Protein backbone atom coordinates (compact mmCIF):
# COMPACT_ATOMS: atom_id res chain seq x y z
CA MET A 1 87.83 284.06 23.89
CA GLU A 2 86.15 282.08 20.96
CA LYS A 3 89.17 279.97 20.99
CA ALA A 4 88.98 279.13 24.68
CA LYS A 5 85.33 278.15 24.33
CA LYS A 6 86.16 275.72 21.61
CA ASN A 7 88.81 274.17 23.75
CA LYS A 8 86.36 273.89 26.68
CA ALA A 9 83.81 272.28 24.39
CA LEU A 10 86.38 269.96 23.13
CA ASN A 11 87.39 268.95 26.27
CA LEU A 12 83.88 268.30 27.53
CA ASN A 13 83.20 266.12 24.30
CA ASN A 14 86.63 263.98 25.21
CA LYS A 15 85.46 263.74 28.99
CA HIS A 16 83.27 260.67 28.32
CA GLU A 17 85.57 259.05 25.79
CA PRO A 18 86.68 255.53 26.92
CA SER A 19 90.30 256.34 25.83
CA THR A 20 90.36 259.41 28.06
CA ASN A 21 88.60 257.58 30.87
CA PHE A 22 91.08 254.41 30.76
CA LYS A 23 94.04 257.09 30.74
CA ASN A 24 92.60 259.21 33.55
CA GLN A 25 91.87 255.53 35.47
CA PHE A 26 95.47 254.48 34.71
CA ASN A 27 97.05 257.71 36.06
CA LEU A 28 94.94 257.46 39.13
CA MET A 29 96.13 253.86 39.71
CA ARG A 30 99.80 255.03 39.00
CA LYS A 31 99.27 257.70 41.68
CA ASN A 32 97.92 255.29 44.21
CA ARG A 33 100.29 252.44 43.39
CA ASP A 34 101.46 251.97 47.02
CA SER A 35 97.93 251.10 47.91
CA TYR A 36 97.54 248.59 45.20
CA ILE A 37 100.91 246.97 46.19
CA LEU A 38 99.72 246.56 49.69
CA MET A 39 96.52 244.84 48.74
CA ILE A 40 98.12 242.47 46.42
CA PRO A 41 98.30 239.64 49.10
CA TYR A 42 94.56 240.22 49.75
CA PHE A 43 93.89 239.87 46.00
CA ILE A 44 96.09 236.64 45.36
CA LEU A 45 94.12 234.99 48.56
CA PHE A 46 90.66 236.27 47.24
CA PHE A 47 91.39 234.97 43.75
CA ALA A 48 92.70 231.63 45.05
CA PHE A 49 89.90 230.77 47.38
CA THR A 50 86.83 232.52 46.16
CA ILE A 51 87.17 233.49 42.13
CA LEU A 52 88.98 230.14 41.15
CA PRO A 53 86.54 227.69 43.02
CA VAL A 54 83.59 229.47 41.55
CA ILE A 55 85.24 229.25 38.00
CA ALA A 56 86.07 225.54 38.71
CA SER A 57 82.72 225.01 39.86
CA ILE A 58 80.96 226.32 36.79
CA ALA A 59 83.46 224.53 34.48
CA LEU A 60 82.65 221.29 36.32
CA SER A 61 78.91 221.54 36.17
CA PHE A 62 79.08 220.74 32.31
CA THR A 63 80.89 217.52 32.96
CA ASN A 64 80.50 214.24 34.44
CA PHE A 65 82.98 214.03 37.39
CA ASN A 66 83.23 211.48 39.96
CA ILE A 67 86.87 212.40 41.25
CA LEU A 68 88.42 209.32 40.46
CA GLU A 69 88.33 209.78 36.82
CA LEU A 70 89.13 212.93 34.49
CA PRO A 71 86.01 214.95 33.94
CA ASP A 72 83.91 214.18 30.94
CA PHE A 73 82.24 217.06 29.15
CA ILE A 74 78.39 216.37 28.91
CA GLY A 75 77.02 220.00 28.03
CA TRP A 76 73.70 220.76 29.63
CA ASP A 77 73.08 217.34 30.60
CA ASN A 78 73.46 218.13 34.60
CA TYR A 79 71.10 221.04 34.31
CA THR A 80 68.39 219.21 32.23
CA ARG A 81 68.43 216.45 34.91
CA LEU A 82 68.15 218.80 37.51
CA PHE A 83 65.03 220.64 36.48
CA LEU A 84 63.41 217.85 34.54
CA GLU A 85 64.30 214.49 36.31
CA ASP A 86 65.41 215.51 39.89
CA ASP A 87 62.22 215.94 41.95
CA ILE A 88 64.14 216.17 45.13
CA PHE A 89 65.81 219.18 43.74
CA ILE A 90 62.59 220.90 42.89
CA THR A 91 61.85 220.38 46.63
CA SER A 92 64.88 221.64 47.90
CA ILE A 93 64.47 224.87 45.78
CA LYS A 94 61.11 225.28 47.22
CA ASN A 95 62.06 224.88 50.77
CA THR A 96 65.25 227.08 50.32
CA LEU A 97 63.07 229.73 48.73
CA LEU A 98 60.55 229.46 51.69
CA PHE A 99 63.65 229.85 54.24
CA ALA A 100 65.01 233.00 52.06
CA VAL A 101 61.38 234.72 51.93
CA ILE A 102 60.32 234.23 55.51
CA THR A 103 63.56 234.18 57.55
CA GLY A 104 65.55 236.61 55.46
CA PRO A 105 63.34 239.75 55.55
CA LEU A 106 61.82 238.77 58.78
CA SER A 107 65.20 238.29 60.84
CA TYR A 108 66.62 241.43 58.87
CA ILE A 109 63.62 243.62 60.24
CA MET A 110 63.85 242.03 63.77
CA CYS A 111 67.54 242.50 63.74
CA PHE A 112 67.26 246.34 63.01
CA VAL A 113 64.12 246.90 65.08
CA PHE A 114 65.79 245.25 68.31
CA ALA A 115 69.09 247.09 67.46
CA TRP A 116 67.00 250.41 67.18
CA ILE A 117 65.39 249.97 70.30
CA ILE A 118 68.51 248.65 72.54
CA ASN A 119 70.41 251.75 71.17
CA GLU A 120 68.24 254.09 73.18
CA PHE A 121 68.91 252.48 76.42
CA PRO A 122 71.95 253.71 78.67
CA SER A 123 75.49 252.26 77.59
CA LYS A 124 75.76 249.67 80.33
CA ILE A 125 72.33 248.16 79.79
CA ARG A 126 72.83 248.47 76.03
CA ALA A 127 76.02 246.41 76.43
CA VAL A 128 73.94 243.60 78.30
CA LEU A 129 71.17 243.33 75.99
CA THR A 130 73.63 243.27 72.99
CA LEU A 131 75.42 240.23 74.42
CA ILE A 132 72.14 238.74 75.12
CA PHE A 133 70.73 239.20 71.47
CA TYR A 134 74.14 238.17 69.93
CA ALA A 135 74.09 234.96 72.33
CA PRO A 136 72.61 232.86 69.52
CA SER A 137 75.49 233.56 66.96
CA ILE A 138 78.25 232.54 69.47
CA SER A 139 76.46 229.67 71.22
CA GLY A 140 77.48 227.23 68.48
CA ASN A 141 75.95 223.70 68.32
CA VAL A 142 73.13 224.15 70.56
CA TYR A 143 70.72 221.69 68.39
CA PHE A 144 70.54 219.49 71.35
CA ILE A 145 68.33 222.00 73.23
CA TRP A 146 65.83 222.23 70.25
CA ARG A 147 65.86 218.35 70.10
CA ILE A 148 64.84 218.50 73.84
CA ILE A 149 62.09 221.00 73.20
CA PHE A 150 60.64 219.14 70.26
CA SER A 151 61.35 215.52 71.53
CA GLY A 152 58.76 213.07 70.10
CA ASP A 153 57.88 211.60 73.66
CA ARG A 154 56.02 212.72 76.53
CA TYR A 155 59.19 214.11 78.07
CA GLY A 156 59.89 216.63 75.21
CA LEU A 157 59.02 219.97 76.51
CA ALA A 158 56.73 221.13 73.66
CA ASN A 159 54.61 217.80 74.19
CA GLY A 160 54.68 218.08 78.00
CA PHE A 161 53.33 221.54 77.57
CA LEU A 162 50.57 220.70 75.14
CA ILE A 163 49.63 217.60 77.24
CA ASN A 164 49.29 219.40 80.39
CA LEU A 165 47.21 221.96 78.84
CA GLY A 166 44.81 219.11 77.46
CA LEU A 167 45.42 220.34 73.96
CA VAL A 168 46.72 216.85 72.84
CA ILE A 169 46.76 213.35 74.22
CA ASP A 170 49.30 211.60 72.38
CA PRO A 171 52.77 213.04 72.00
CA ILE A 172 53.24 214.67 68.54
CA GLN A 173 56.36 213.52 66.45
CA TRP A 174 57.57 217.14 65.78
CA LEU A 175 60.78 216.02 63.88
CA LYS A 176 59.53 212.79 62.26
CA ASP A 177 56.31 214.31 60.80
CA ALA A 178 56.72 216.16 57.25
CA LYS A 179 54.26 218.54 57.90
CA TYR A 180 55.75 219.87 61.27
CA ILE A 181 59.52 219.75 59.94
CA LEU A 182 59.88 222.96 57.91
CA PRO A 183 57.98 225.14 60.12
CA ILE A 184 60.23 224.16 63.05
CA LEU A 185 63.40 224.50 61.03
CA ILE A 186 62.19 228.08 60.22
CA ILE A 187 61.72 229.19 63.75
CA VAL A 188 65.24 227.59 64.75
CA GLN A 189 66.84 229.54 61.96
CA LEU A 190 65.08 232.88 63.09
CA TRP A 191 66.43 232.54 66.28
CA LEU A 192 69.95 231.72 65.06
CA SER A 193 69.99 234.60 62.72
CA LEU A 194 69.54 237.14 65.32
CA GLY A 195 73.43 237.69 65.61
CA THR A 196 75.72 239.32 63.19
CA GLY A 197 73.31 241.47 61.41
CA PHE A 198 72.21 242.60 64.71
CA LEU A 199 75.54 243.58 65.63
CA ALA A 200 76.28 245.58 62.46
CA PHE A 201 73.25 247.58 63.08
CA ILE A 202 74.21 248.24 66.76
CA ALA A 203 77.50 249.45 65.33
CA GLY A 204 76.09 251.58 62.57
CA LEU A 205 73.29 253.27 64.82
CA GLN A 206 76.51 254.44 66.94
CA THR A 207 78.09 256.02 64.03
CA VAL A 208 75.19 258.19 62.93
CA ASP A 209 76.18 261.92 63.26
CA ARG A 210 74.10 263.59 66.06
CA SER A 211 74.38 266.83 64.41
CA LEU A 212 72.25 265.52 61.68
CA TYR A 213 69.09 265.18 63.75
CA GLU A 214 69.39 269.00 64.85
CA ALA A 215 69.74 269.84 61.24
CA GLY A 216 66.53 267.75 60.36
CA ALA A 217 64.65 269.41 63.15
CA VAL A 218 65.71 272.77 61.49
CA ASP A 219 64.58 271.39 58.07
CA GLY A 220 61.09 270.28 59.27
CA ILE A 221 61.53 266.72 60.49
CA THR A 222 59.09 266.50 63.49
CA ASN A 223 58.90 262.94 64.58
CA ARG A 224 61.00 259.56 64.95
CA TRP A 225 59.73 257.87 61.90
CA GLN A 226 60.93 260.83 59.66
CA GLU A 227 64.35 260.92 61.77
CA LEU A 228 64.36 256.92 60.92
CA TRP A 229 63.74 257.25 56.95
CA TYR A 230 65.49 260.63 56.20
CA ILE A 231 68.49 260.52 58.64
CA THR A 232 69.09 257.39 60.38
CA LEU A 233 68.61 254.83 57.41
CA PRO A 234 70.61 256.92 54.85
CA SER A 235 73.46 257.45 57.26
CA MET A 236 73.90 253.61 57.73
CA LYS A 237 73.54 252.11 54.31
CA PRO A 238 76.78 250.31 54.58
CA GLN A 239 75.60 248.34 57.68
CA LEU A 240 72.29 247.83 55.89
CA MET A 241 73.96 246.32 52.92
CA PHE A 242 76.39 244.26 55.18
CA GLY A 243 73.20 242.92 57.32
CA ALA A 244 71.47 242.21 54.18
CA VAL A 245 74.13 240.15 52.56
CA VAL A 246 74.79 238.12 56.11
CA GLN A 247 70.89 237.51 56.12
CA LEU A 248 70.66 236.25 52.54
CA THR A 249 73.52 234.05 53.04
CA GLN A 250 72.49 232.62 56.04
CA ALA A 251 68.92 232.02 54.57
CA PHE A 252 70.12 230.34 51.43
CA ALA A 253 72.71 228.22 53.16
CA VAL A 254 70.46 226.33 55.74
CA ALA A 255 71.78 222.92 56.05
CA ASP A 256 73.04 222.08 59.43
CA ILE A 257 69.92 222.86 61.12
CA SER A 258 68.02 220.40 58.79
CA ILE A 259 70.67 217.69 59.35
CA ASN A 260 71.00 217.92 62.90
CA LEU A 261 67.24 218.45 63.67
CA ALA A 262 65.31 216.52 60.96
CA GLY A 263 68.10 214.09 60.01
CA PHE A 264 70.01 213.23 56.68
CA PRO A 265 67.64 212.52 54.72
CA SER A 266 64.65 214.01 56.31
CA VAL A 267 61.32 212.38 56.37
CA ASN A 268 59.96 212.64 52.73
CA TYR A 269 62.68 215.24 52.28
CA ALA A 270 60.52 217.77 54.09
CA GLY A 271 63.66 219.33 55.23
CA GLU A 272 65.75 219.27 52.31
CA THR A 273 67.47 222.50 51.03
CA VAL A 274 69.78 223.17 48.12
CA VAL A 275 72.77 222.91 50.30
CA THR A 276 71.85 219.51 51.63
CA HIS A 277 71.18 218.39 48.16
CA LEU A 278 74.58 219.57 47.28
CA ILE A 279 76.12 217.59 50.28
CA ASP A 280 74.07 214.63 49.24
CA PHE A 281 75.72 214.41 45.55
CA GLY A 282 79.01 216.02 46.24
CA THR A 283 80.04 214.09 49.53
CA ILE A 284 78.27 210.92 49.52
CA ARG A 285 77.51 209.96 45.65
CA PHE A 286 80.62 211.79 44.80
CA GLU A 287 78.69 212.92 41.63
CA MET A 288 80.99 216.20 41.55
CA GLY A 289 79.82 217.42 38.32
CA TYR A 290 76.12 217.06 39.18
CA ALA A 291 76.80 218.75 42.59
CA SER A 292 78.62 221.63 40.87
CA ALA A 293 75.63 222.33 38.80
CA ILE A 294 73.74 222.45 41.94
CA ALA A 295 76.30 224.87 43.37
CA THR A 296 76.14 226.98 40.15
CA ILE A 297 72.46 227.37 40.55
CA LEU A 298 72.57 228.43 44.21
CA PHE A 299 75.29 231.07 43.28
CA LEU A 300 73.28 232.50 40.53
CA LEU A 301 70.07 232.45 42.86
CA MET A 302 72.16 234.30 45.48
CA ILE A 303 73.52 236.82 43.01
CA GLY A 304 70.21 237.75 41.62
CA VAL A 305 68.50 238.28 45.01
CA ASN A 306 71.60 240.16 46.26
CA LYS A 307 71.15 242.52 43.15
CA GLY A 308 67.50 243.10 43.93
CA VAL A 309 68.32 243.93 47.71
CA GLN A 310 70.90 246.51 46.35
CA ARG A 311 68.45 248.14 44.30
CA LEU A 312 65.96 248.40 47.17
CA LEU A 313 68.43 249.81 49.43
CA ARG A 314 69.34 252.69 47.12
CA LYS A 315 65.62 253.96 47.56
CA VAL A 316 66.25 254.30 51.33
CA GLY A 317 65.66 257.87 52.45
CA GLU A 318 64.45 259.07 48.75
């Protein structure tokens, strides 16, 4: 009996040893080797088109590289130039963070609220409403509609509306005045962001097990808000994470909206973002080392925010 207890204690002590864990992990991988073999093509493509470019970009960020000549190692000079000499980069960081702080959480909440409300409708009405709300994501390049709305002459819809109401006398140069550019870009980005995340939330709401609500009622859940917090949200954490990643990516990668509506560059760089700054140095000035440093900063920024969002989502339902 005592010998058995000693062996059990010894097994428990060895349970957390790295060598034992590694051996168990290796045995588990060998047991599921067929699955790993099937995943090899994906791993190869993921490494070639995602991991490798990121590693190459980080390496090039420490060089002076103009595509025509071999990279010249310059250490931290690109980063020093970014933060101490490049005022436009600081402006682009500020604008990008404003986009992320305003459009990211707001569009995320809007997507979920709309999906939650639409999920209560009968299936046919739900299908029509889902298509309407998903339309911005499949509409493609519709910037000309927003250019008509915010045109700087009297024929622009926004100017015509304000002039007819007597609120303004002369047309406002919406996309040529620095103080209006960023708010307009944020409005357009909010409209465009109601798409993929919304669709993921609709799919997640459809997968929640209805018997959980009955069990929750037995356990004392009395209203819809408690159902939402203790049952609905914890049941769709994968969709919440997917929606968060999509919204953050969209918020940090804003560029096309600024280029198409405000021009490139925009007036006084009012619509400059990190990605437009990256495009400027990467595809126009061909300073690839400097552009790689910008890309690395953006990458680290997105990784940090993503980690923060993951921590917040872990607290859902607690």
